[in-house]
């Protein structure tokens, strides 16, 4: 299980600073610790231009490190929202 720590108003996971975070109404969290790239992605049959691919921790049914698409999260509409930077330090399941 990953170690989430708050330091000086920032969130760190296993010593890596969280750059951005998202939360869902189902209790899932996506924490980006590294920006991998921007690319055009095909999601649901539609092209998402300049989709940002992140590396980080996902707390879903299971907790795991991996890559995820910001465009895919945005396509979920109001089911997923970006966590304001000021709220990141106390977000996630600990």
PDB file of N, CA and C in Angstrom:
ATOM      1  N   UNK A   1       0.842  -1.181   0.000  1.00  0.00           N
ATOM      2  CA  UNK A   1       0.000   0.000   0.000  1.00  0.00           C
ATOM      3  C   UNK A   1       0.886   1.243   0.000  1.00  0.00           C
ATOM      4  N   UNK A   2       0.541   2.190  -0.836  1.00  0.00           N
ATOM      5  CA  UNK A   2       1.327   3.416  -0.956  1.00  0.00           C
ATOM      6  C   UNK A   2       1.169   4.288   0.290  1.00  0.00           C
ATOM      7  N   UNK A   3       2.210   5.063   0.584  1.00  0.00           N
ATOM      8  CA  UNK A   3       2.198   5.952   1.742  1.00  0.00           C
ATOM      9  C   UNK A   3       1.876   7.375   1.281  1.00  0.00           C
ATOM     10  N   UNK A   4       0.733   7.904   1.737  1.00  0.00           N
ATOM     11  CA  UNK A   4       0.333   9.272   1.432  1.00  0.00           C
ATOM     12  C   UNK A   4       0.710  10.161   2.603  1.00  0.00           C
ATOM     13  N   UNK A   5       1.421  11.263   2.309  1.00  0.00           N
ATOM     14  CA  UNK A   5       1.858  12.201   3.344  1.00  0.00           C
ATOM     15  C   UNK A   5       1.588  13.635   2.899  1.00  0.00           C
ATOM     16  N   UNK A   6       1.195  14.460   3.837  1.00  0.00           N
ATOM     17  CA  UNK A   6       1.042  15.887   3.589  1.00  0.00           C
ATOM     18  C   UNK A   6       2.254  16.613   4.150  1.00  0.00           C
ATOM     19  N   UNK A   7       2.878  17.456   3.314  1.00  0.00           N
ATOM     20  CA  UNK A   7       4.035  18.256   3.737  1.00  0.00           C
ATOM     21  C   UNK A   7       3.885  19.664   3.190  1.00  0.00           C
ATOM     22  N   UNK A   8       3.861  20.637   4.072  1.00  0.00           N
ATOM     23  CA  UNK A   8       3.788  22.047   3.685  1.00  0.00           C
ATOM     24  C   UNK A   8       2.670  22.326   2.690  1.00  0.00           C
ATOM     25  N   UNK A   9       1.523  21.696   2.875  1.00  0.00           N
ATOM     26  CA  UNK A   9       0.371  21.935   2.013  1.00  0.00           C
ATOM     27  C   UNK A   9       0.355  21.139   0.723  1.00  0.00           C
ATOM     28  N   UNK A  10       1.351  20.288   0.510  1.00  0.00           N
ATOM     29  CA  UNK A  10       1.412  19.450  -0.694  1.00  0.00           C
ATOM     30  C   UNK A  10       1.206  17.992  -0.307  1.00  0.00           C
ATOM     31  N   UNK A  11       0.761  17.195  -1.275  1.00  0.00           N
ATOM     32  CA  UNK A  11       0.588  15.762  -1.062  1.00  0.00           C
ATOM     33  C   UNK A  11       1.733  15.018  -1.729  1.00  0.00           C
ATOM     34  N   UNK A  12       2.300  14.070  -1.002  1.00  0.00           N
ATOM     35  CA  UNK A  12       3.358  13.209  -1.520  1.00  0.00           C
ATOM     36  C   UNK A  12       2.911  11.764  -1.370  1.00  0.00           C
ATOM     37  N   UNK A  13       3.199  10.958  -2.385  1.00  0.00           N
ATOM     38  CA  UNK A  13       2.902   9.537  -2.340  1.00  0.00           C
ATOM     39  C   UNK A  13       4.202   8.793  -2.556  1.00  0.00           C
ATOM     40  N   UNK A  14       4.594   8.001  -1.572  1.00  0.00           N
ATOM     41  CA  UNK A  14       5.873   7.286  -1.613  1.00  0.00           C
ATOM     42  C   UNK A  14       7.023   8.231  -1.977  1.00  0.00           C
ATOM     43  N   UNK A  15       6.966   9.458  -1.440  1.00  0.00           N
ATOM     44  CA  UNK A  15       8.011  10.452  -1.655  1.00  0.00           C
ATOM     45  C   UNK A  15       7.893  11.250  -2.936  1.00  0.00           C
ATOM     46  N   UNK A  16       6.910  10.949  -3.782  1.00  0.00           N
ATOM     47  CA  UNK A  16       6.718  11.670  -5.053  1.00  0.00           C
ATOM     48  C   UNK A  16       5.623  12.721  -4.883  1.00  0.00           C
ATOM     49  N   UNK A  17       5.920  13.956  -5.295  1.00  0.00           N
ATOM     50  CA  UNK A  17       4.946  15.036  -5.166  1.00  0.00           C
ATOM     51  C   UNK A  17       3.800  14.837  -6.159  1.00  0.00           C
ATOM     52  N   UNK A  18       2.590  15.013  -5.673  1.00  0.00           N
ATOM     53  CA  UNK A  18       1.405  14.918  -6.519  1.00  0.00           C
ATOM     54  C   UNK A  18       1.209  16.254  -7.232  1.00  0.00           C
ATOM     55  N   UNK A  19       1.132  16.205  -8.562  1.00  0.00           N
ATOM     56  CA  UNK A  19       0.970  17.403  -9.374  1.00  0.00           C
ATOM     57  C   UNK A  19      -0.495  17.770  -9.569  1.00  0.00           C
ATOM     58  N   UNK A  20      -1.319  16.746  -9.760  1.00  0.00           N
ATOM     59  CA  UNK A  20      -2.760  16.936  -9.939  1.00  0.00           C
ATOM     60  C   UNK A  20      -3.493  15.723  -9.397  1.00  0.00           C
ATOM     61  N   UNK A  21      -4.764  15.921  -9.089  1.00  0.00           N
ATOM     62  CA  UNK A  21      -5.574  14.818  -8.601  1.00  0.00           C
ATOM     63  C   UNK A  21      -7.006  14.937  -9.062  1.00  0.00           C
ATOM     64  N   UNK A  22      -7.662  13.791  -9.179  1.00  0.00           N
ATOM     65  CA  UNK A  22      -9.068  13.711  -9.553  1.00  0.00           C
ATOM     66  C   UNK A  22      -9.761  12.759  -8.593  1.00  0.00           C
ATOM     67  N   UNK A  23     -11.055  12.989  -8.405  1.00  0.00           N
ATOM     68  CA  UNK A  23     -11.853  12.157  -7.505  1.00  0.00           C
ATOM     69  C   UNK A  23     -13.159  11.826  -8.207  1.00  0.00           C
ATOM     70  N   UNK A  24     -13.739  10.677  -7.885  1.00  0.00           N
ATOM     71  CA  UNK A  24     -15.035  10.323  -8.460  1.00  0.00           C
ATOM     72  C   UNK A  24     -16.058  10.128  -7.351  1.00  0.00           C
ATOM     73  N   UNK A  25     -17.309  10.207  -7.741  1.00  0.00           N
ATOM     74  CA  UNK A  25     -18.368  10.008  -6.754  1.00  0.00           C
ATOM     75  C   UNK A  25     -18.396   8.573  -6.243  1.00  0.00           C
ATOM     76  N   UNK A  26     -17.706   7.651  -6.919  1.00  0.00           N
ATOM     77  CA  UNK A  26     -17.637   6.260  -6.467  1.00  0.00           C
ATOM     78  C   UNK A  26     -16.490   6.033  -5.483  1.00  0.00           C
ATOM     79  N   UNK A  27     -15.701   7.092  -5.196  1.00  0.00           N
ATOM     80  CA  UNK A  27     -14.615   6.975  -4.227  1.00  0.00           C
ATOM     81  C   UNK A  27     -13.274   6.616  -4.837  1.00  0.00           C
ATOM     82  N   UNK A  28     -13.172   6.650  -6.167  1.00  0.00           N
ATOM     83  CA  UNK A  28     -11.884   6.411  -6.826  1.00  0.00           C
ATOM     84  C   UNK A  28     -11.096   7.711  -6.857  1.00  0.00           C
ATOM     85  N   UNK A  29      -9.758   7.573  -6.797  1.00  0.00           N
ATOM     86  CA  UNK A  29      -8.846   8.714  -6.886  1.00  0.00           C
ATOM     87  C   UNK A  29      -7.773   8.426  -7.923  1.00  0.00           C
ATOM     88  N   UNK A  30      -7.385   9.461  -8.661  1.00  0.00           N
ATOM     89  CA  UNK A  30      -6.257   9.400  -9.592  1.00  0.00           C
ATOM     90  C   UNK A  30      -5.298  10.512  -9.176  1.00  0.00           C
ATOM     91  N   UNK A  31      -4.060  10.153  -8.855  1.00  0.00           N
ATOM     92  CA  UNK A  31      -3.058  11.127  -8.440  1.00  0.00           C
ATOM     93  C   UNK A  31      -1.908  11.118  -9.439  1.00  0.00           C
ATOM     94  N   UNK A  32      -1.691  12.225 -10.122  1.00  0.00           N
ATOM     95  CA  UNK A  32      -0.628  12.345 -11.112  1.00  0.00           C
ATOM     96  C   UNK A  32       0.652  12.822 -10.438  1.00  0.00           C
ATOM     97  N   UNK A  33       1.722  12.043 -10.595  1.00  0.00           N
ATOM     98  CA  UNK A  33       3.017  12.433 -10.038  1.00  0.00           C
ATOM     99  C   UNK A  33       4.014  12.798 -11.136  1.00  0.00           C
ATOM    100  N   UNK A  34       3.670  12.481 -12.376  1.00  0.00           N
ATOM    101  CA  UNK A  34       4.578  12.757 -13.496  1.00  0.00           C
ATOM    102  C   UNK A  34       3.772  12.901 -14.778  1.00  0.00           C
ATOM    103  N   UNK A  35       4.053  13.972 -15.552  1.00  0.00           N
ATOM    104  CA  UNK A  35       3.420  14.138 -16.860  1.00  0.00           C
ATOM    105  C   UNK A  35       4.249  13.353 -17.866  1.00  0.00           C
ATOM    106  N   UNK A  36       3.621  12.379 -18.518  1.00  0.00           N
ATOM    107  CA  UNK A  36       4.335  11.542 -19.476  1.00  0.00           C
ATOM    108  C   UNK A  36       4.405  12.212 -20.842  1.00  0.00           C
ATOM    109  N   UNK A  37       3.253  12.569 -21.415  1.00  0.00           N
ATOM    110  CA  UNK A  37       3.249  13.173 -22.747  1.00  0.00           C
ATOM    111  C   UNK A  37       1.883  13.761 -23.060  1.00  0.00           C
ATOM    112  N   UNK A  38       1.818  14.464 -24.183  1.00  0.00           N
ATOM    113  CA  UNK A  38       0.547  14.887 -24.762  1.00  0.00           C
ATOM    114  C   UNK A  38       0.437  14.200 -26.101  1.00  0.00           C
ATOM    115  N   UNK A  39      -0.756  13.715 -26.411  1.00  0.00           N
ATOM    116  CA  UNK A  39      -0.954  12.994 -27.665  1.00  0.00           C
ATOM    117  C   UNK A  39      -2.402  13.136 -28.086  1.00  0.00           C
ATOM    118  N   UNK A  40      -2.681  12.848 -29.341  1.00  0.00           N
ATOM    119  CA  UNK A  40      -4.055  12.759 -29.802  1.00  0.00           C
ATOM    120  C   UNK A  40      -4.517  11.339 -29.503  1.00  0.00           C
ATOM    121  N   UNK A  41      -5.596  11.211 -28.765  1.00  0.00           N
ATOM    122  CA  UNK A  41      -6.112   9.907 -28.365  1.00  0.00           C
ATOM    123  C   UNK A  41      -7.482   9.681 -28.988  1.00  0.00           C
ATOM    124  N   UNK A  42      -7.820   8.440 -29.203  1.00  0.00           N
ATOM    125  CA  UNK A  42      -9.162   8.073 -29.645  1.00  0.00           C
ATOM    126  C   UNK A  42      -9.865   7.460 -28.441  1.00  0.00           C
ATOM    127  N   UNK A  43     -10.911   8.140 -27.983  1.00  0.00           N
ATOM    128  CA  UNK A  43     -11.656   7.698 -26.803  1.00  0.00           C
ATOM    129  C   UNK A  43     -13.135   7.658 -27.180  1.00  0.00           C
ATOM    130  N   UNK A  44     -13.727   6.503 -27.082  1.00  0.00           N
ATOM    131  CA  UNK A  44     -15.140   6.362 -27.438  1.00  0.00           C
ATOM    132  C   UNK A  44     -15.412   6.678 -28.895  1.00  0.00           C
ATOM    133  N   UNK A  45     -14.437   6.404 -29.756  1.00  0.00           N
ATOM    134  CA  UNK A  45     -14.600   6.654 -31.186  1.00  0.00           C
ATOM    135  C   UNK A  45     -14.355   8.091 -31.608  1.00  0.00           C
ATOM    136  N   UNK A  46     -14.024   8.964 -30.669  1.00  0.00           N
ATOM    137  CA  UNK A  46     -13.762  10.373 -30.975  1.00  0.00           C
ATOM    138  C   UNK A  46     -12.305  10.706 -30.677  1.00  0.00           C
ATOM    139  N   UNK A  47     -11.743  11.616 -31.482  1.00  0.00           N
ATOM    140  CA  UNK A  47     -10.358  12.039 -31.287  1.00  0.00           C
ATOM    141  C   UNK A  47     -10.315  13.137 -30.233  1.00  0.00           C
ATOM    142  N   UNK A  48      -9.485  12.945 -29.230  1.00  0.00           N
ATOM    143  CA  UNK A  48      -9.238  13.955 -28.201  1.00  0.00           C
ATOM    144  C   UNK A  48      -7.845  14.511 -28.478  1.00  0.00           C
ATOM    145  N   UNK A  49      -7.797  15.750 -28.956  1.00  0.00           N
ATOM    146  CA  UNK A  49      -6.517  16.369 -29.299  1.00  0.00           C
ATOM    147  C   UNK A  49      -5.787  16.811 -28.036  1.00  0.00           C
ATOM    148  N   UNK A  50      -4.479  16.659 -28.069  1.00  0.00           N
ATOM    149  CA  UNK A  50      -3.608  17.070 -26.959  1.00  0.00           C
ATOM    150  C   UNK A  50      -4.053  16.488 -25.628  1.00  0.00           C
ATOM    151  N   UNK A  51      -4.377  15.217 -25.623  1.00  0.00           N
ATOM    152  CA  UNK A  51      -4.736  14.510 -24.404  1.00  0.00           C
ATOM    153  C   UNK A  51      -3.471  14.326 -23.572  1.00  0.00           C
ATOM    154  N   UNK A  52      -3.525  14.670 -22.305  1.00  0.00           N
ATOM    155  CA  UNK A  52      -2.370  14.517 -21.429  1.00  0.00           C
ATOM    156  C   UNK A  52      -2.383  13.126 -20.809  1.00  0.00           C
ATOM    157  N   UNK A  53      -1.253  12.441 -20.916  1.00  0.00           N
ATOM    158  CA  UNK A  53      -1.080  11.128 -20.307  1.00  0.00           C
ATOM    159  C   UNK A  53      -0.220  11.326 -19.065  1.00  0.00           C
ATOM    160  N   UNK A  54      -0.723  10.862 -17.939  1.00  0.00           N
ATOM    161  CA  UNK A  54      -0.066  11.016 -16.646  1.00  0.00           C
ATOM    162  C   UNK A  54       0.386   9.666 -16.124  1.00  0.00           C
ATOM    163  N   UNK A  55       1.404   9.679 -15.284  1.00  0.00           N
ATOM    164  CA  UNK A  55       1.806   8.516 -14.506  1.00  0.00           C
ATOM    165  C   UNK A  55       1.514   8.850 -13.057  1.00  0.00           C
ATOM    166  N   UNK A  56       0.954   7.897 -12.332  1.00  0.00           N
ATOM    167  CA  UNK A  56       0.679   8.146 -10.928  1.00  0.00           C
ATOM    168  C   UNK A  56      -0.048   6.997 -10.280  1.00  0.00           C
ATOM    169  N   UNK A  57      -0.630   7.285  -9.137  1.00  0.00           N
ATOM    170  CA  UNK A  57      -1.317   6.278  -8.342  1.00  0.00           C
ATOM    171  C   UNK A  57      -2.816   6.382  -8.563  1.00  0.00           C
ATOM    172  N   UNK A  58      -3.443   5.236  -8.782  1.00  0.00           N
ATOM    173  CA  UNK A  58      -4.901   5.162  -8.871  1.00  0.00           C
ATOM    174  C   UNK A  58      -5.385   4.354  -7.675  1.00  0.00           C
ATOM    175  N   UNK A  59      -6.273   4.953  -6.912  1.00  0.00           N
ATOM    176  CA  UNK A  59      -6.927   4.248  -5.814  1.00  0.00           C
ATOM    177  C   UNK A  59      -8.339   3.934  -6.281  1.00  0.00           C
ATOM    178  N   UNK A  60      -8.509   2.729  -6.803  1.00  0.00           N
ATOM    179  CA  UNK A  60      -9.811   2.274  -7.266  1.00  0.00           C
ATOM    180  C   UNK A  60     -10.221   1.067  -6.460  1.00  0.00           C
ATOM    181  N   UNK A  61     -10.716   0.070  -7.164  1.00  0.00           N
ATOM    182  CA  UNK A  61     -11.035  -1.176  -6.482  1.00  0.00           C
ATOM    183  C   UNK A  61      -9.759  -1.735  -5.852  1.00  0.00           C
ATOM    184  N   UNK A  62      -8.654  -1.546  -6.573  1.00  0.00           N
ATOM    185  CA  UNK A  62      -7.314  -1.888  -6.077  1.00  0.00           C
ATOM    186  C   UNK A  62      -6.469  -0.635  -6.184  1.00  0.00           C
ATOM    187  N   UNK A  63      -5.368  -0.603  -5.491  1.00  0.00           N
ATOM    188  CA  UNK A  63      -4.441   0.526  -5.552  1.00  0.00           C
ATOM    189  C   UNK A  63      -3.276   0.125  -6.435  1.00  0.00           C
ATOM    190  N   UNK A  64      -2.982   0.938  -7.454  1.00  0.00           N
ATOM    191  CA  UNK A  64      -1.874   0.597  -8.347  1.00  0.00           C
ATOM    192  C   UNK A  64      -1.294   1.831  -9.012  1.00  0.00           C
ATOM    193  N   UNK A  65       0.000   1.725  -9.336  1.00  0.00           N
ATOM    194  CA  UNK A  65       0.719   2.749 -10.075  1.00  0.00           C
ATOM    195  C   UNK A  65       0.566   2.438 -11.559  1.00  0.00           C
ATOM    196  N   UNK A  66       0.424   3.494 -12.375  1.00  0.00           N
ATOM    197  CA  UNK A  66       0.332   3.276 -13.810  1.00  0.00           C
ATOM    198  C   UNK A  66       0.045   4.563 -14.551  1.00  0.00           C
ATOM    199  N   UNK A  67      -0.255   4.419 -15.826  1.00  0.00           N
ATOM    200  CA  UNK A  67      -0.534   5.543 -16.715  1.00  0.00           C
ATOM    201  C   UNK A  67      -2.035   5.708 -16.871  1.00  0.00           C
ATOM    202  N   UNK A  68      -2.480   6.968 -16.982  1.00  0.00           N
ATOM    203  CA  UNK A  68      -3.894   7.227 -17.240  1.00  0.00           C
ATOM    204  C   UNK A  68      -4.041   8.494 -18.066  1.00  0.00           C
ATOM    205  N   UNK A  69      -5.178   8.590 -18.738  1.00  0.00           N
ATOM    206  CA  UNK A  69      -5.463   9.666 -19.679  1.00  0.00           C
ATOM    207  C   UNK A  69      -6.369  10.712 -19.033  1.00  0.00           C
ATOM    208  N   UNK A  70      -5.947  11.964 -19.085  1.00  0.00           N
ATOM    209  CA  UNK A  70      -6.784  13.051 -18.567  1.00  0.00           C
ATOM    210  C   UNK A  70      -8.043  13.186 -19.422  1.00  0.00           C
ATOM    211  N   UNK A  71      -7.889  12.982 -20.738  1.00  0.00           N
ATOM    212  CA  UNK A  71      -9.038  13.058 -21.638  1.00  0.00           C
ATOM    213  C   UNK A  71     -10.105  12.036 -21.298  1.00  0.00           C
ATOM    214  N   UNK A  72      -9.678  10.854 -20.923  1.00  0.00           N
ATOM    215  CA  UNK A  72     -10.640   9.813 -20.555  1.00  0.00           C
ATOM    216  C   UNK A  72     -11.383  10.186 -19.271  1.00  0.00           C
ATOM    217  N   UNK A  73     -10.671  10.777 -18.315  1.00  0.00           N
ATOM    218  CA  UNK A  73     -11.322  11.229 -17.085  1.00  0.00           C
ATOM    219  C   UNK A  73     -12.326  12.342 -17.381  1.00  0.00           C
ATOM    220  N   UNK A  74     -11.946  13.276 -18.259  1.00  0.00           N
ATOM    221  CA  UNK A  74     -12.832  14.394 -18.604  1.00  0.00           C
ATOM    222  C   UNK A  74     -14.102  13.905 -19.299  1.00  0.00           C
ATOM    223  N   UNK A  75     -13.998  12.829 -20.064  1.00  0.00           N
ATOM    224  CA  UNK A  75     -15.173  12.294 -20.769  1.00  0.00           C
ATOM    225  C   UNK A  75     -16.195  11.676 -19.813  1.00  0.00           C
ATOM    226  N   UNK A  76     -15.817  11.438 -18.587  1.00  0.00           N
ATOM    227  CA  UNK A  76     -16.755  10.892 -17.610  1.00  0.00           C
ATOM    228  C   UNK A  76     -17.688  11.961 -17.050  1.00  0.00           C
ATOM    229  N   UNK A  77     -17.454  13.221 -17.459  1.00  0.00           N
ATOM    230  CA  UNK A  77     -18.338  14.315 -17.081  1.00  0.00           C
ATOM    231  C   UNK A  77     -18.371  14.558 -15.587  1.00  0.00           C
ATOM    232  N   UNK A  78     -19.571  14.775 -15.048  1.00  0.00           N
ATOM    233  CA  UNK A  78     -19.676  15.125 -13.625  1.00  0.00           C
ATOM    234  C   UNK A  78     -19.390  13.955 -12.675  1.00  0.00           C
ATOM    235  N   UNK A  79     -19.128  12.771 -13.212  1.00  0.00           N
ATOM    236  CA  UNK A  79     -18.813  11.627 -12.350  1.00  0.00           C
ATOM    237  C   UNK A  79     -17.410  11.725 -11.771  1.00  0.00           C
ATOM    238  N   UNK A  80     -16.540  12.518 -12.436  1.00  0.00           N
ATOM    239  CA  UNK A  80     -15.150  12.699 -11.997  1.00  0.00           C
ATOM    240  C   UNK A  80     -14.833  14.193 -12.044  1.00  0.00           C
ATOM    241  N   UNK A  81     -14.156  14.691 -11.021  1.00  0.00           N
ATOM    242  CA  UNK A  81     -13.788  16.103 -10.999  1.00  0.00           C
ATOM    243  C   UNK A  81     -12.343  16.254 -10.537  1.00  0.00           C
ATOM    244  N   UNK A  82     -11.749  17.363 -10.981  1.00  0.00           N
ATOM    245  CA  UNK A  82     -10.380  17.695 -10.582  1.00  0.00           C
ATOM    246  C   UNK A  82     -10.407  18.202  -9.136  1.00  0.00           C
ATOM    247  N   UNK A  83      -9.480  17.718  -8.345  1.00  0.00           N
ATOM    248  CA  UNK A  83      -9.372  18.156  -6.948  1.00  0.00           C
ATOM    249  C   UNK A  83      -8.605  19.479  -6.926  1.00  0.00           C
ATOM    250  N   UNK A  84      -9.167  20.523  -6.322  1.00  0.00           N
ATOM    251  CA  UNK A  84      -8.430  21.788  -6.233  1.00  0.00           C
ATOM    252  C   UNK A  84      -7.093  21.589  -5.518  1.00  0.00           C
ATOM    253  N   UNK A  85      -6.060  22.276  -5.980  1.00  0.00           N
ATOM    254  CA  UNK A  85      -4.712  22.132  -5.420  1.00  0.00           C
ATOM    255  C   UNK A  85      -4.710  22.318  -3.905  1.00  0.00           C
ATOM    256  N   UNK A  86      -5.500  23.237  -3.400  1.00  0.00           N
ATOM    257  CA  UNK A  86      -5.530  23.505  -1.949  1.00  0.00           C
ATOM    258  C   UNK A  86      -6.113  22.335  -1.160  1.00  0.00           C
ATOM    259  N   UNK A  87      -6.838  21.432  -1.833  1.00  0.00           N
ATOM    260  CA  UNK A  87      -7.451  20.283  -1.157  1.00  0.00           C
ATOM    261  C   UNK A  87      -6.658  18.981  -1.319  1.00  0.00           C
ATOM    262  N   UNK A  88      -5.646  18.995  -2.160  1.00  0.00           N
ATOM    263  CA  UNK A  88      -4.896  17.761  -2.429  1.00  0.00           C
ATOM    264  C   UNK A  88      -4.251  17.168  -1.179  1.00  0.00           C
ATOM    265  N   UNK A  89      -3.756  18.016  -0.299  1.00  0.00           N
ATOM    266  CA  UNK A  89      -2.969  17.522   0.839  1.00  0.00           C
ATOM    267  C   UNK A  89      -3.752  16.604   1.768  1.00  0.00           C
ATOM    268  N   UNK A  90      -5.065  16.642   1.738  1.00  0.00           N
ATOM    269  CA  UNK A  90      -5.840  15.725   2.588  1.00  0.00           C
ATOM    270  C   UNK A  90      -6.742  14.791   1.785  1.00  0.00           C
ATOM    271  N   UNK A  91      -6.477  14.654   0.489  1.00  0.00           N
ATOM    272  CA  UNK A  91      -7.281  13.787  -0.372  1.00  0.00           C
ATOM    273  C   UNK A  91      -6.742  12.364  -0.397  1.00  0.00           C
ATOM    274  N   UNK A  92      -7.585  11.446  -0.816  1.00  0.00           N
ATOM    275  CA  UNK A  92      -7.185  10.061  -0.972  1.00  0.00           C
ATOM    276  C   UNK A  92      -7.523   9.211   0.229  1.00  0.00           C
ATOM    277  N   UNK A  93      -7.392   7.910   0.022  1.00  0.00           N
ATOM    278  CA  UNK A  93      -7.652   6.943   1.097  1.00  0.00           C
ATOM    279  C   UNK A  93      -6.334   6.640   1.789  1.00  0.00           C
ATOM    280  N   UNK A  94      -6.313   6.775   3.084  1.00  0.00           N
ATOM    281  CA  UNK A  94      -5.074   6.599   3.843  1.00  0.00           C
ATOM    282  C   UNK A  94      -5.146   5.387   4.725  1.00  0.00           C
TER     283      UNK A  94
END
